[in-house]
Protein backbone atom coordinates (compact mmCIF):
# COMPACT_ATOMS: atom_id res chain seq x y z
CA MET A 1 -43.31 -39.26 48.98
CA THR A 2 -45.16 -42.59 49.13
CA LYS A 3 -43.09 -43.88 46.34
CA ARG A 4 -39.67 -42.48 47.88
CA LEU A 5 -40.35 -44.37 51.02
CA LEU A 6 -40.98 -47.49 49.09
CA LEU A 7 -37.66 -47.42 47.02
CA ALA A 8 -35.96 -46.47 50.20
CA LEU A 9 -37.83 -49.81 52.17
CA GLY A 10 -36.88 -51.45 48.97
CA LEU A 11 -33.00 -50.65 48.82
CA SER A 12 -32.63 -51.47 52.51
CA THR A 13 -33.31 -55.29 51.70
CA LEU A 14 -31.39 -55.32 49.17
CA SER A 15 -27.91 -56.55 51.11
CA LEU A 16 -29.96 -59.38 52.00
CA GLN A 17 -31.06 -60.65 48.77
CA ALA A 18 -28.17 -62.74 46.76
CA GLY A 19 -27.27 -61.89 43.27
CA GLN A 20 -26.26 -58.38 41.38
CA THR A 21 -26.96 -54.90 42.21
CA ASP A 22 -26.24 -52.11 39.31
CA ILE A 23 -26.83 -48.32 39.61
CA GLY A 24 -26.29 -46.13 36.88
CA LEU A 25 -26.62 -42.51 35.52
CA SER A 26 -27.84 -40.86 32.21
CA TYR A 27 -28.25 -37.51 30.57
CA GLY A 28 -29.33 -36.75 27.11
CA PHE A 29 -31.47 -34.32 25.23
CA HIS A 30 -34.76 -34.15 24.65
CA ASP A 31 -37.95 -32.56 22.63
CA MET A 32 -41.25 -32.28 24.30
CA PHE A 33 -44.04 -32.21 21.19
CA VAL A 34 -47.69 -31.43 21.55
CA SER A 35 -49.87 -31.77 18.16
CA ASN A 36 -53.17 -31.21 17.02
CA ILE A 37 -53.70 -27.95 19.56
CA THR A 38 -57.10 -26.67 18.38
CA PRO A 39 -57.74 -23.87 17.61
CA SER A 40 -54.22 -23.95 15.65
CA SER A 41 -53.79 -20.47 15.52
CA LEU A 42 -53.19 -20.83 19.40
CA HIS A 43 -49.34 -22.19 18.95
CA GLY A 44 -48.14 -22.02 15.00
CA GLY A 45 -49.99 -24.53 13.48
CA GLY A 46 -51.20 -26.59 16.02
CA THR A 47 -47.91 -27.95 17.02
CA SER A 48 -45.46 -26.94 20.20
CA HIS A 49 -41.90 -27.83 20.49
CA THR A 50 -40.23 -27.70 23.96
CA LEU A 51 -36.35 -28.60 24.18
CA GLY A 52 -34.18 -29.30 27.20
CA VAL A 53 -31.57 -30.97 28.60
CA ASP A 54 -32.28 -34.42 31.52
CA THR A 55 -30.39 -36.20 33.21
CA SER A 56 -31.75 -39.56 35.31
CA PHE A 57 -30.33 -42.01 38.19
CA PHE A 58 -31.34 -45.72 38.21
CA VAL A 59 -31.00 -48.86 40.47
CA GLU A 60 -32.06 -52.61 39.77
CA HIS A 61 -31.10 -55.71 41.82
CA ARG A 62 -31.56 -59.07 39.87
CA THR A 63 -31.53 -61.84 42.59
CA ASP A 64 -30.36 -65.46 41.85
CA SER A 65 -33.87 -66.74 41.19
CA GLY A 66 -34.91 -64.38 38.92
CA ILE A 67 -36.93 -61.29 40.60
CA ILE A 68 -35.56 -58.26 39.87
CA ILE A 69 -36.11 -55.02 41.90
CA GLY A 70 -35.72 -51.48 40.83
CA GLY A 71 -36.24 -47.79 40.25
CA THR A 72 -36.04 -44.58 38.40
CA GLU A 73 -36.04 -40.74 38.89
CA GLU A 74 -35.83 -38.78 35.60
CA ILE A 75 -35.58 -35.13 36.04
CA TYR A 76 -36.71 -32.98 32.65
CA PHE A 77 -35.17 -29.19 32.17
CA ASP A 78 -36.85 -27.44 29.65
CA LYS A 79 -36.29 -24.66 27.25
CA ASP A 80 -39.94 -23.13 27.75
CA LYS A 81 -40.24 -20.83 24.99
CA ASP A 82 -43.16 -21.33 23.33
CA HIS A 83 -45.50 -21.07 26.37
CA LEU A 84 -47.92 -23.67 26.37
CA ASP A 85 -48.57 -22.79 30.02
CA PRO A 86 -47.42 -19.34 30.91
CA ASP A 87 -46.76 -19.93 34.22
CA HIS A 88 -44.79 -23.19 33.72
CA ILE A 89 -41.88 -23.68 35.83
CA PRO A 90 -39.29 -25.38 33.23
CA ILE A 91 -38.64 -28.53 35.25
CA TRP A 92 -40.43 -31.82 35.83
CA PHE A 93 -39.62 -35.47 37.07
CA LYS A 94 -40.91 -38.76 36.55
CA PHE A 95 -40.51 -41.37 38.70
CA ASN A 96 -40.65 -45.52 38.59
CA ILE A 97 -40.46 -48.29 41.12
CA TYR A 98 -40.83 -51.88 39.97
CA ALA A 99 -40.51 -55.47 40.54
CA ASP A 100 -41.14 -58.55 38.83
CA GLY A 101 -40.08 -62.35 38.64
CA PRO A 102 -41.15 -65.76 37.69
CA LEU A 103 -44.23 -67.42 39.53
CA ILE A 104 -44.44 -70.22 37.32
CA ARG A 105 -41.35 -71.78 35.02
CA MET A 106 -42.83 -73.39 32.37
CA THR A 107 -39.42 -74.05 30.35
CA ASP A 108 -35.99 -72.24 30.31
CA SER A 109 -37.24 -69.73 27.71
CA PHE A 110 -41.10 -69.75 28.82
CA ASN A 111 -42.67 -68.01 32.30
CA PHE A 112 -45.45 -67.06 33.87
CA MET A 113 -44.55 -63.65 35.57
CA TRP A 114 -45.87 -61.57 38.50
CA HIS A 115 -45.65 -57.63 38.12
CA LEU A 116 -45.51 -54.73 40.56
CA ASN A 117 -44.79 -51.01 39.10
CA PHE A 118 -45.62 -47.85 40.79
CA GLN A 119 -45.36 -44.77 38.28
CA ASN A 120 -45.18 -40.83 38.69
CA LYS A 121 -45.25 -38.26 36.46
CA GLN A 122 -45.30 -34.26 37.77
CA ASN A 123 -45.35 -30.66 36.28
CA THR A 124 -44.68 -31.33 32.62
CA THR A 125 -44.83 -28.85 29.86
CA SER A 126 -47.96 -30.57 28.19
CA GLY A 127 -51.14 -29.58 31.23
CA ILE A 128 -49.89 -32.39 33.30
CA GLU A 129 -49.97 -31.75 36.93
CA ARG A 130 -49.35 -34.94 38.09
CA GLU A 131 -50.01 -38.39 37.19
CA ILE A 132 -49.90 -41.78 39.35
CA LYS A 133 -49.86 -45.08 38.38
CA ASN A 134 -50.25 -47.75 40.69
CA MET A 135 -50.33 -51.63 38.91
CA TYR A 136 -50.22 -54.99 40.31
CA GLY A 137 -50.19 -57.91 37.46
CA LEU A 138 -49.32 -61.09 35.84
CA GLY A 139 -48.19 -62.25 32.26
CA LEU A 140 -46.46 -64.44 29.84
CA ASP A 141 -42.60 -64.10 29.14
CA PHE A 142 -41.15 -65.49 25.94
CA THR A 143 -37.25 -64.95 25.98
CA PRO A 144 -35.76 -67.44 23.09
CA ASP A 145 -32.34 -66.30 22.46
CA SER A 146 -31.54 -63.10 21.53
CA PHE A 147 -35.84 -62.16 20.97
CA HIS A 148 -37.85 -61.40 24.19
CA LEU A 149 -41.81 -60.86 23.98
CA ALA A 150 -44.31 -60.08 26.85
CA LEU A 151 -47.72 -59.91 27.59
CA ASN A 152 -48.91 -58.31 30.48
CA ALA A 153 -52.33 -57.83 32.46
CA TYR A 154 -52.74 -55.44 35.53
CA ALA A 155 -54.89 -54.16 37.46
CA GLY A 156 -54.84 -51.19 40.23
CA PHE A 157 -55.28 -47.57 40.75
CA PHE A 158 -54.91 -44.49 38.02
CA TYR A 159 -54.83 -40.60 38.59
CA LEU A 160 -54.42 -37.41 36.17
CA GLU A 161 -54.51 -34.09 37.65
CA ILE A 162 -54.22 -31.23 35.04
CA ASP A 163 -52.05 -28.16 35.40
CA ASP A 164 -54.66 -25.04 36.24
CA ASP A 165 -52.21 -22.88 35.03
CA ALA A 166 -52.31 -24.75 31.51
CA PRO A 167 -54.64 -22.92 29.08
CA ILE A 168 -58.13 -24.26 30.38
CA GLN A 169 -61.16 -24.17 27.83
CA TYR A 170 -63.78 -21.73 28.71
CA SER A 171 -67.30 -22.12 27.23
CA ALA A 172 -67.99 -19.95 24.02
CA THR A 173 -70.18 -17.57 25.90
CA GLN A 174 -67.82 -17.12 28.57
CA THR A 175 -70.17 -18.10 31.43
CA LYS A 176 -68.92 -21.15 32.74
CA GLN A 177 -65.44 -22.77 32.75
CA TYR A 178 -63.81 -25.40 34.37
CA GLU A 179 -62.51 -25.19 38.40
CA ARG A 180 -59.83 -26.43 39.79
CA SER A 181 -61.97 -29.46 41.61
CA ASP A 182 -62.90 -30.57 38.24
CA LEU A 183 -58.92 -31.15 37.15
CA GLY A 184 -58.27 -34.22 38.69
CA LEU A 185 -59.52 -38.11 38.30
CA GLY A 186 -58.90 -40.81 40.28
CA THR A 187 -60.55 -44.28 39.70
CA SER A 188 -59.50 -48.42 39.88
CA SER A 189 -58.22 -49.34 36.47
CA VAL A 190 -57.08 -52.19 34.44
CA SER A 191 -54.09 -52.16 31.88
CA VAL A 192 -52.85 -54.45 29.41
CA LYS A 193 -49.34 -54.17 27.89
CA LEU A 194 -47.29 -55.90 25.09
CA GLU A 195 -43.36 -55.40 24.75
CA SER A 196 -41.13 -57.26 22.81
CA SER A 197 -36.83 -56.18 22.29
CA TRP A 198 -34.88 -57.96 20.10
CA ASN A 199 -30.88 -58.11 20.06
CA MET A 200 -29.77 -57.21 16.59
CA THR A 201 -26.28 -57.81 17.47
CA GLU A 202 -23.88 -57.75 20.21
CA ASN A 203 -24.07 -54.02 20.46
CA PHE A 204 -27.79 -52.93 18.92
CA THR A 205 -31.17 -53.48 20.19
CA ILE A 206 -34.63 -52.34 19.50
CA LEU A 207 -37.45 -52.62 22.01
CA GLY A 208 -40.49 -51.31 22.54
CA HIS A 209 -44.39 -51.42 23.88
CA VAL A 210 -48.01 -50.50 23.55
CA GLN A 211 -49.68 -50.05 26.89
CA ASN A 212 -53.38 -49.33 27.47
CA TRP A 213 -55.15 -48.51 30.45
CA SER A 214 -59.11 -47.84 31.16
CA SER A 215 -61.10 -47.62 33.77
CA THR A 216 -63.23 -49.77 36.05
CA GLY A 217 -64.46 -47.16 38.62
CA ILE A 218 -65.94 -44.63 36.52
CA GLY A 219 -67.82 -46.70 34.07
CA SER A 220 -66.11 -48.75 31.14
CA GLY A 221 -63.77 -46.58 29.01
CA TRP A 222 -60.22 -45.57 28.03
CA LEU A 223 -58.19 -43.55 30.26
CA GLU A 224 -55.06 -43.56 28.64
CA ASN A 225 -52.59 -45.31 25.62
CA GLU A 226 -48.96 -45.02 25.60
CA TYR A 227 -46.61 -45.93 22.53
CA VAL A 228 -43.17 -46.62 22.75
CA ALA A 229 -40.00 -47.42 20.62
CA GLU A 230 -36.16 -46.93 21.62
CA ILE A 231 -32.91 -48.17 20.12
CA ASN A 232 -29.97 -48.91 22.20
CA TYR A 233 -26.38 -49.32 21.32
CA ALA A 234 -23.71 -50.41 23.70
CA THR A 235 -20.35 -48.18 23.61
CA ASP A 236 -18.35 -50.15 25.67
CA GLY A 237 -15.68 -49.08 23.54
CA TRP A 238 -15.96 -45.36 24.82
CA ILE A 239 -16.96 -46.52 28.48
CA LYS A 240 -17.27 -49.41 29.72
CA ARG A 241 -21.39 -50.52 30.20
CA SER A 242 -22.22 -47.28 28.76
CA LYS A 243 -25.19 -47.38 25.49
CA LEU A 244 -26.55 -44.79 23.69
CA HIS A 245 -30.10 -44.70 23.44
CA LEU A 246 -32.90 -43.15 21.43
CA ARG A 247 -36.18 -43.45 22.65
CA ALA A 248 -39.24 -41.57 21.78
CA THR A 249 -42.71 -42.15 24.04
CA HIS A 250 -46.08 -40.94 22.33
CA THR A 251 -48.61 -40.51 24.90
CA GLN A 252 -52.39 -40.00 24.31
CA TYR A 253 -54.86 -38.99 27.36
CA ASN A 254 -58.94 -39.35 27.26
CA ILE A 255 -59.53 -35.86 28.12
CA ASP A 256 -63.36 -36.82 27.87
CA VAL A 257 -63.43 -37.84 31.45
CA PHE A 258 -63.08 -34.57 32.54
CA TYR A 259 -65.52 -32.84 30.28
CA ARG A 260 -68.94 -30.90 31.27
CA GLU A 261 -71.59 -30.59 29.31
CA ASP A 262 -72.42 -27.31 30.58
CA VAL A 263 -69.04 -25.57 29.58
CA GLY A 264 -69.25 -27.41 26.29
CA VAL A 265 -65.58 -27.51 24.91
CA PRO A 266 -62.74 -29.89 25.97
CA VAL A 267 -60.93 -29.35 29.28
CA LEU A 268 -57.40 -28.66 27.11
CA PRO A 269 -57.26 -27.83 23.33
CA TRP A 270 -54.45 -31.05 22.98
CA ASP A 271 -55.00 -34.44 24.07
CA ASN A 272 -51.39 -35.88 23.49
CA ASP A 273 -47.85 -35.32 23.82
CA THR A 274 -44.53 -37.22 22.47
CA LEU A 275 -41.28 -37.22 24.09
CA VAL A 276 -38.21 -37.74 22.20
CA ARG A 277 -35.19 -38.25 24.05
CA ALA A 278 -31.11 -39.18 23.25
CA TYR A 279 -28.71 -39.93 26.20
CA MET A 280 -26.29 -41.77 27.07
CA SER A 281 -26.40 -44.24 30.27
CA ILE A 282 -23.88 -46.31 32.37
CA ALA A 283 -23.90 -48.68 34.28
CA TRP A 284 -22.07 -49.82 37.83
CA GLY A 285 -21.84 -52.71 39.79
CA ILE A 286 -22.36 -52.96 43.30
């Protein structure tokens, strides 16, 4: 709810800013798969695939001074046939609100940047009930011609909650188990992100990033690692301002932060998920 209010507030100011505003839609297919499930006898060889369709809405405003304000809302409809979570409602969501801009312009292609980023993920088939990342950062941005490279550092708040309907692990004796109160973790955190893109031709772009989140509030230790690779192909010849995308996002979660010695086993029988999407996006200027 807070994110939606922030987005509405941000959008209400766009008309006061000079620049360009784009809105758009996307639609496509996806596969959310989980690997290294233990024991492997649970789900056919230790890997689970959940197929589905997805759609998203996005808006982005760029001012004449180079400030970018935007947001996306993604909705995923799953064909939940392998029952990682037997009570999973086969629809889940991702939200993102972001803003960034140049703090110091060093050269035409090299800038010192500020960043705001608010992310939310809910009800994934991989057992994530809710994840919130509210981060504020600074970074170096290098964009010579068709190449882009950026290194950003953030600080903020990280929250991860495991779905209590997922197959929560029990101790070998079945006398101890994780309670619902054990399944949520909120902490101050820091994050480092390295991202890059390359416009190989006028229509073809490859891009990706790696990002780590680590705790500063429950002792030093990593919380999550994310790896993203994407290929974009502009299809203006079919539909004006349209693109085809193939995107893979692999996320590794540190579920050890939920570990209870008296239970003696991890909170979930897996610690990762990978989302592969193939979709088309269409944008319009307003």
